[in-house]
């Protein structure tokens, strides 16, 4: 699980970066000598929203894409009083490419993707 490094309990900041995923996988493989092929990278299909107009902090990617369809390739949105951190399509693809050197990926959780599967498509592009 390489996500939830920030959320409703913290100030606005990125909750699931590529750099953190790389660092977490390397920690287990190098520092803990856990077999790389048994390490699976957990990726969020949701983000967090900070600001007075956020309904709740935890926000499915489908909701983010519905409200900001032209920004789904990004990981950070600032609009009005809202700040949203999530993994956009580009980061999902990049994380899958990273995880190919390990045991693969797992998703939390698939039903939070868009109905046309934007993140699922990005995941497959990384293969």
N, C-alpha and C. Protein backbone atom coordinates (compact mmCIF):
# COMPACT_ATOMS: atom_id res chain seq x y z
N UNK A 1 0.85 -1.17 0.00
CA UNK A 1 0.00 0.00 0.00
C UNK A 1 0.90 1.23 0.00
N UNK A 2 0.86 1.96 -1.08
CA UNK A 2 1.68 3.17 -1.18
C UNK A 2 0.74 4.34 -1.46
N UNK A 3 -0.09 4.61 -0.49
CA UNK A 3 -1.02 5.73 -0.59
C UNK A 3 -1.46 6.13 0.81
N UNK A 4 -2.24 7.19 0.87
CA UNK A 4 -2.71 7.77 2.14
C UNK A 4 -1.58 8.36 2.97
N UNK A 5 -0.61 8.95 2.31
CA UNK A 5 0.43 9.69 3.03
C UNK A 5 -0.06 11.06 3.45
N UNK A 6 -1.23 11.44 2.96
CA UNK A 6 -1.94 12.65 3.37
C UNK A 6 -3.42 12.36 3.19
N UNK A 7 -4.25 13.12 3.87
CA UNK A 7 -5.69 12.91 3.77
C UNK A 7 -6.42 13.90 4.64
N UNK A 8 -7.62 13.55 5.04
CA UNK A 8 -8.45 14.45 5.83
C UNK A 8 -7.81 14.82 7.17
N UNK A 9 -6.86 14.05 7.63
CA UNK A 9 -6.18 14.29 8.90
C UNK A 9 -4.98 15.24 8.74
N UNK A 10 -4.68 15.67 7.51
CA UNK A 10 -3.48 16.48 7.27
C UNK A 10 -3.81 17.72 6.46
N UNK A 11 -2.83 18.56 6.31
CA UNK A 11 -2.94 19.67 5.37
C UNK A 11 -2.92 19.10 3.96
N UNK A 12 -3.35 19.88 2.99
CA UNK A 12 -3.35 19.44 1.61
C UNK A 12 -1.93 19.12 1.14
N UNK A 13 -1.74 17.92 0.67
CA UNK A 13 -0.48 17.49 0.08
C UNK A 13 -0.73 16.21 -0.70
N UNK A 14 0.24 15.82 -1.52
CA UNK A 14 0.05 14.64 -2.35
C UNK A 14 -0.01 13.38 -1.50
N UNK A 15 -1.01 12.57 -1.75
CA UNK A 15 -1.19 11.39 -0.89
C UNK A 15 -0.60 10.12 -1.47
N UNK A 16 -0.18 10.14 -2.75
CA UNK A 16 0.31 8.90 -3.34
C UNK A 16 1.20 9.20 -4.55
N UNK A 17 2.41 9.60 -4.30
CA UNK A 17 3.29 10.00 -5.40
C UNK A 17 4.04 8.81 -6.00
N UNK A 18 4.51 9.01 -7.21
CA UNK A 18 5.37 8.03 -7.86
C UNK A 18 6.67 7.86 -7.07
N UNK A 19 7.23 8.97 -6.62
CA UNK A 19 8.48 8.91 -5.85
C UNK A 19 8.31 8.08 -4.58
N UNK A 20 7.17 8.21 -3.92
CA UNK A 20 6.92 7.43 -2.71
C UNK A 20 6.76 5.95 -3.04
N UNK A 21 6.10 5.64 -4.14
CA UNK A 21 5.96 4.25 -4.56
C UNK A 21 7.33 3.62 -4.82
N UNK A 22 8.17 4.34 -5.54
CA UNK A 22 9.52 3.86 -5.83
C UNK A 22 10.30 3.64 -4.52
N UNK A 23 10.20 4.59 -3.61
CA UNK A 23 10.90 4.50 -2.33
C UNK A 23 10.39 3.32 -1.49
N UNK A 24 9.07 3.15 -1.44
CA UNK A 24 8.50 2.06 -0.64
C UNK A 24 8.91 0.69 -1.18
N UNK A 25 8.85 0.52 -2.50
CA UNK A 25 9.25 -0.76 -3.09
C UNK A 25 10.73 -1.03 -2.83
N UNK A 26 11.56 -0.02 -3.00
CA UNK A 26 13.00 -0.18 -2.77
C UNK A 26 13.28 -0.51 -1.30
N UNK A 27 12.55 0.11 -0.39
CA UNK A 27 12.73 -0.17 1.04
C UNK A 27 12.54 -1.65 1.33
N UNK A 28 11.44 -2.22 0.82
CA UNK A 28 11.17 -3.63 1.11
C UNK A 28 12.18 -4.55 0.42
N UNK A 29 12.57 -4.23 -0.79
CA UNK A 29 13.50 -5.08 -1.52
C UNK A 29 14.93 -4.96 -0.97
N UNK A 30 15.35 -3.74 -0.66
CA UNK A 30 16.75 -3.52 -0.28
C UNK A 30 16.97 -3.55 1.23
N UNK A 31 16.18 -2.81 1.98
CA UNK A 31 16.39 -2.73 3.43
C UNK A 31 15.85 -3.95 4.17
N UNK A 32 14.73 -4.45 3.73
CA UNK A 32 14.11 -5.58 4.42
C UNK A 32 14.41 -6.90 3.71
N UNK A 33 15.10 -6.84 2.58
CA UNK A 33 15.45 -7.99 1.75
C UNK A 33 14.25 -8.90 1.44
N UNK A 34 13.11 -8.28 1.26
CA UNK A 34 11.91 -9.02 0.84
C UNK A 34 12.01 -9.23 -0.66
N UNK A 35 11.71 -10.42 -1.16
CA UNK A 35 11.85 -10.69 -2.59
C UNK A 35 11.03 -9.72 -3.45
N UNK A 36 11.70 -9.05 -4.37
CA UNK A 36 11.03 -8.05 -5.22
C UNK A 36 9.83 -8.65 -5.94
N UNK A 37 9.96 -9.87 -6.41
CA UNK A 37 8.87 -10.50 -7.17
C UNK A 37 7.64 -10.80 -6.30
N UNK A 38 7.77 -10.66 -4.99
CA UNK A 38 6.63 -10.88 -4.10
C UNK A 38 6.03 -9.56 -3.59
N UNK A 39 6.64 -8.45 -3.97
CA UNK A 39 6.15 -7.12 -3.56
C UNK A 39 5.18 -6.60 -4.60
N UNK A 40 3.99 -6.27 -4.17
CA UNK A 40 2.94 -5.77 -5.05
C UNK A 40 2.65 -4.33 -4.66
N UNK A 41 2.61 -3.45 -5.64
CA UNK A 41 2.38 -2.03 -5.41
C UNK A 41 0.89 -1.74 -5.35
N UNK A 42 0.43 -1.24 -4.22
CA UNK A 42 -0.96 -0.84 -4.07
C UNK A 42 -1.17 0.57 -4.57
N UNK A 43 -2.16 0.76 -5.46
CA UNK A 43 -2.44 2.07 -6.05
C UNK A 43 -3.89 2.48 -5.77
N UNK A 44 -4.10 3.74 -5.43
CA UNK A 44 -5.45 4.22 -5.14
C UNK A 44 -6.19 4.66 -6.40
N UNK A 45 -7.43 4.31 -6.49
CA UNK A 45 -8.31 4.83 -7.55
C UNK A 45 -9.23 5.87 -6.93
N UNK A 46 -8.69 6.66 -6.05
CA UNK A 46 -9.40 7.74 -5.37
C UNK A 46 -8.39 8.82 -5.01
N UNK A 47 -8.88 9.92 -4.54
CA UNK A 47 -8.01 10.99 -4.08
C UNK A 47 -8.59 11.61 -2.82
N UNK A 48 -7.99 12.70 -2.40
CA UNK A 48 -8.48 13.45 -1.25
C UNK A 48 -8.74 14.88 -1.67
N UNK A 49 -9.77 15.45 -1.09
CA UNK A 49 -10.16 16.83 -1.37
C UNK A 49 -10.11 17.63 -0.07
N UNK A 50 -9.47 18.79 -0.14
CA UNK A 50 -9.41 19.71 0.99
C UNK A 50 -10.10 21.00 0.57
N UNK A 51 -10.86 21.58 1.47
CA UNK A 51 -11.52 22.86 1.21
C UNK A 51 -12.95 22.84 1.71
N UNK A 52 -13.50 24.02 1.92
CA UNK A 52 -14.85 24.15 2.48
C UNK A 52 -15.91 23.52 1.60
N UNK A 53 -15.70 23.50 0.28
CA UNK A 53 -16.73 22.96 -0.61
C UNK A 53 -16.58 21.47 -0.89
N UNK A 54 -15.64 20.82 -0.22
CA UNK A 54 -15.49 19.37 -0.39
C UNK A 54 -16.57 18.67 0.43
N UNK A 55 -17.31 17.77 -0.21
CA UNK A 55 -18.37 17.03 0.49
C UNK A 55 -17.78 16.11 1.55
N UNK A 56 -16.71 15.47 1.21
CA UNK A 56 -15.99 14.56 2.10
C UNK A 56 -14.56 14.54 1.61
N UNK A 57 -13.66 14.13 2.38
CA UNK A 57 -12.27 14.17 1.98
C UNK A 57 -11.90 13.11 0.95
N UNK A 58 -12.39 11.90 1.14
CA UNK A 58 -12.10 10.76 0.29
C UNK A 58 -12.96 10.88 -0.95
N UNK A 59 -12.34 10.95 -2.15
CA UNK A 59 -13.10 11.23 -3.36
C UNK A 59 -12.76 10.22 -4.46
N UNK A 60 -13.72 9.42 -4.92
CA UNK A 60 -13.45 8.46 -6.00
C UNK A 60 -12.94 9.17 -7.26
N UNK A 61 -12.07 8.49 -7.99
CA UNK A 61 -11.56 9.06 -9.24
C UNK A 61 -12.72 9.40 -10.18
N UNK A 62 -13.75 8.58 -10.20
CA UNK A 62 -14.89 8.84 -11.09
C UNK A 62 -15.51 10.21 -10.82
N UNK A 63 -15.57 10.60 -9.56
CA UNK A 63 -16.10 11.91 -9.20
C UNK A 63 -15.15 13.03 -9.61
N UNK A 64 -13.87 12.80 -9.43
CA UNK A 64 -12.87 13.79 -9.85
C UNK A 64 -12.97 13.98 -11.36
N UNK A 65 -13.03 12.89 -12.12
CA UNK A 65 -13.10 12.96 -13.58
C UNK A 65 -14.40 13.63 -14.05
N UNK A 66 -15.49 13.38 -13.34
CA UNK A 66 -16.76 14.01 -13.72
C UNK A 66 -16.71 15.52 -13.53
N UNK A 67 -16.06 15.97 -12.49
CA UNK A 67 -15.98 17.40 -12.19
C UNK A 67 -14.86 18.13 -12.92
N UNK A 68 -13.80 17.41 -13.27
CA UNK A 68 -12.62 18.01 -13.92
C UNK A 68 -12.14 17.12 -15.06
N UNK A 69 -12.97 16.91 -16.09
CA UNK A 69 -12.63 15.94 -17.13
C UNK A 69 -11.36 16.26 -17.91
N UNK A 70 -10.97 17.50 -17.98
CA UNK A 70 -9.77 17.87 -18.72
C UNK A 70 -8.50 17.79 -17.88
N UNK A 71 -8.62 17.33 -16.63
CA UNK A 71 -7.45 17.29 -15.74
C UNK A 71 -7.15 15.89 -15.20
N UNK A 72 -7.68 14.86 -15.83
CA UNK A 72 -7.50 13.50 -15.32
C UNK A 72 -6.09 12.96 -15.51
N UNK A 73 -5.27 13.62 -16.32
CA UNK A 73 -3.88 13.19 -16.48
C UNK A 73 -2.96 13.76 -15.43
N UNK A 74 -3.48 14.66 -14.62
CA UNK A 74 -2.69 15.29 -13.56
C UNK A 74 -2.85 14.54 -12.25
N UNK A 75 -2.13 15.00 -11.22
CA UNK A 75 -2.24 14.42 -9.88
C UNK A 75 -2.70 15.44 -8.86
N UNK A 76 -2.89 16.66 -9.28
CA UNK A 76 -3.14 17.75 -8.34
C UNK A 76 -4.05 18.77 -9.02
N UNK A 77 -5.14 19.11 -8.37
CA UNK A 77 -6.05 20.11 -8.90
C UNK A 77 -6.30 21.15 -7.82
N UNK A 78 -6.19 22.42 -8.20
CA UNK A 78 -6.59 23.52 -7.33
C UNK A 78 -7.64 24.29 -8.10
N UNK A 79 -8.84 24.33 -7.56
CA UNK A 79 -9.95 25.01 -8.23
C UNK A 79 -10.83 25.65 -7.17
N UNK A 80 -10.93 26.97 -7.22
CA UNK A 80 -11.70 27.67 -6.19
C UNK A 80 -11.08 27.40 -4.83
N UNK A 81 -11.89 26.97 -3.87
CA UNK A 81 -11.36 26.67 -2.53
C UNK A 81 -10.95 25.21 -2.39
N UNK A 82 -11.02 24.44 -3.48
CA UNK A 82 -10.69 23.01 -3.43
C UNK A 82 -9.26 22.73 -3.84
N UNK A 83 -8.66 21.78 -3.15
CA UNK A 83 -7.38 21.21 -3.53
C UNK A 83 -7.57 19.71 -3.52
N UNK A 84 -7.22 19.05 -4.62
CA UNK A 84 -7.45 17.62 -4.74
C UNK A 84 -6.15 16.93 -5.14
N UNK A 85 -5.81 15.88 -4.42
CA UNK A 85 -4.65 15.05 -4.71
C UNK A 85 -5.14 13.66 -5.10
N UNK A 86 -4.63 13.14 -6.21
CA UNK A 86 -5.03 11.81 -6.69
C UNK A 86 -3.96 11.32 -7.65
N UNK A 87 -4.10 10.10 -8.13
CA UNK A 87 -3.23 9.59 -9.19
C UNK A 87 -3.97 9.67 -10.49
N UNK A 88 -3.48 10.52 -11.38
CA UNK A 88 -4.07 10.65 -12.71
C UNK A 88 -3.58 9.53 -13.62
N UNK A 89 -4.07 9.56 -14.84
CA UNK A 89 -3.77 8.49 -15.79
C UNK A 89 -2.28 8.35 -16.07
N UNK A 90 -1.56 9.45 -16.18
CA UNK A 90 -0.12 9.38 -16.46
C UNK A 90 0.64 8.69 -15.32
N UNK A 91 0.30 9.02 -14.09
CA UNK A 91 0.97 8.42 -12.94
C UNK A 91 0.64 6.94 -12.81
N UNK A 92 -0.60 6.57 -13.07
CA UNK A 92 -0.97 5.15 -13.02
C UNK A 92 -0.14 4.35 -14.02
N UNK A 93 -0.02 4.85 -15.24
CA UNK A 93 0.79 4.17 -16.25
C UNK A 93 2.23 4.04 -15.79
N UNK A 94 2.78 5.10 -15.26
CA UNK A 94 4.17 5.11 -14.80
C UNK A 94 4.39 4.15 -13.63
N UNK A 95 3.43 4.10 -12.70
CA UNK A 95 3.55 3.19 -11.57
C UNK A 95 3.49 1.73 -12.01
N UNK A 96 2.66 1.42 -12.99
CA UNK A 96 2.59 0.05 -13.50
C UNK A 96 3.93 -0.34 -14.12
N UNK A 97 4.54 0.58 -14.86
CA UNK A 97 5.85 0.31 -15.45
C UNK A 97 6.88 0.03 -14.35
N UNK A 98 6.84 0.79 -13.27
CA UNK A 98 7.72 0.56 -12.13
C UNK A 98 7.47 -0.82 -11.53
N UNK A 99 6.23 -1.17 -11.34
CA UNK A 99 5.85 -2.42 -10.68
C UNK A 99 6.20 -3.66 -11.50
N UNK A 100 6.50 -3.49 -12.77
CA UNK A 100 6.90 -4.63 -13.60
C UNK A 100 8.22 -5.23 -13.10
N UNK A 101 9.01 -4.44 -12.39
CA UNK A 101 10.26 -4.95 -11.81
C UNK A 101 10.01 -5.63 -10.46
N UNK A 102 8.76 -5.68 -10.06
CA UNK A 102 8.36 -6.27 -8.78
C UNK A 102 7.26 -7.28 -9.05
N UNK A 103 6.36 -7.47 -8.13
CA UNK A 103 5.33 -8.49 -8.27
C UNK A 103 4.04 -8.02 -8.93
N UNK A 104 3.99 -6.76 -9.35
CA UNK A 104 2.79 -6.25 -10.01
C UNK A 104 2.10 -5.19 -9.18
N UNK A 105 0.81 -5.01 -9.44
CA UNK A 105 0.03 -3.98 -8.75
C UNK A 105 -1.27 -4.55 -8.20
N UNK A 106 -1.83 -3.82 -7.25
CA UNK A 106 -3.19 -4.06 -6.80
C UNK A 106 -3.87 -2.69 -6.75
N UNK A 107 -5.17 -2.69 -6.83
CA UNK A 107 -5.94 -1.44 -6.93
C UNK A 107 -6.87 -1.33 -5.74
N UNK A 108 -6.97 -0.13 -5.19
CA UNK A 108 -8.02 0.16 -4.22
C UNK A 108 -8.84 1.29 -4.79
N UNK A 109 -9.93 1.14 -5.26
CA UNK A 109 -10.54 -0.08 -5.68
C UNK A 109 -11.28 0.17 -6.96
N UNK A 110 -11.39 -0.85 -7.77
CA UNK A 110 -11.77 -0.74 -9.18
C UNK A 110 -13.09 0.01 -9.41
N UNK A 111 -14.06 -0.13 -8.55
CA UNK A 111 -15.36 0.53 -8.79
C UNK A 111 -15.28 2.05 -8.66
N UNK A 112 -14.13 2.57 -8.23
CA UNK A 112 -13.98 4.02 -8.13
C UNK A 112 -13.46 4.63 -9.43
N UNK A 113 -13.18 3.80 -10.42
CA UNK A 113 -12.77 4.28 -11.74
C UNK A 113 -13.99 4.84 -12.47
N UNK A 114 -13.76 5.51 -13.58
CA UNK A 114 -14.86 6.02 -14.40
C UNK A 114 -15.58 4.87 -15.08
N UNK A 115 -16.78 5.11 -15.56
CA UNK A 115 -17.55 4.04 -16.22
C UNK A 115 -16.86 3.54 -17.48
N UNK A 116 -16.05 4.39 -18.12
CA UNK A 116 -15.31 3.96 -19.30
C UNK A 116 -13.91 3.46 -18.95
N UNK A 117 -13.58 3.38 -17.68
CA UNK A 117 -12.34 2.77 -17.22
C UNK A 117 -11.08 3.55 -17.57
N UNK A 118 -11.06 4.83 -17.30
CA UNK A 118 -9.88 5.64 -17.63
C UNK A 118 -8.61 5.15 -16.93
N UNK A 119 -8.71 4.88 -15.63
CA UNK A 119 -7.52 4.42 -14.92
C UNK A 119 -7.16 2.97 -15.29
N UNK A 120 -8.17 2.15 -15.51
CA UNK A 120 -7.92 0.78 -15.95
C UNK A 120 -7.19 0.78 -17.30
N UNK A 121 -7.60 1.66 -18.19
CA UNK A 121 -6.95 1.80 -19.50
C UNK A 121 -5.51 2.27 -19.32
N UNK A 122 -5.30 3.24 -18.42
CA UNK A 122 -3.94 3.72 -18.13
C UNK A 122 -3.10 2.61 -17.53
N UNK A 123 -3.68 1.80 -16.68
CA UNK A 123 -2.97 0.66 -16.10
C UNK A 123 -2.52 -0.30 -17.20
N UNK A 124 -3.41 -0.64 -18.09
CA UNK A 124 -3.07 -1.55 -19.18
C UNK A 124 -2.00 -0.96 -20.09
N UNK A 125 -2.00 0.35 -20.27
CA UNK A 125 -0.98 1.02 -21.10
C UNK A 125 0.41 0.85 -20.50
N UNK A 126 0.50 0.73 -19.18
CA UNK A 126 1.78 0.53 -18.52
C UNK A 126 2.35 -0.86 -18.68
N UNK A 127 1.50 -1.81 -19.08
CA UNK A 127 1.98 -3.18 -19.26
C UNK A 127 2.78 -3.28 -20.53
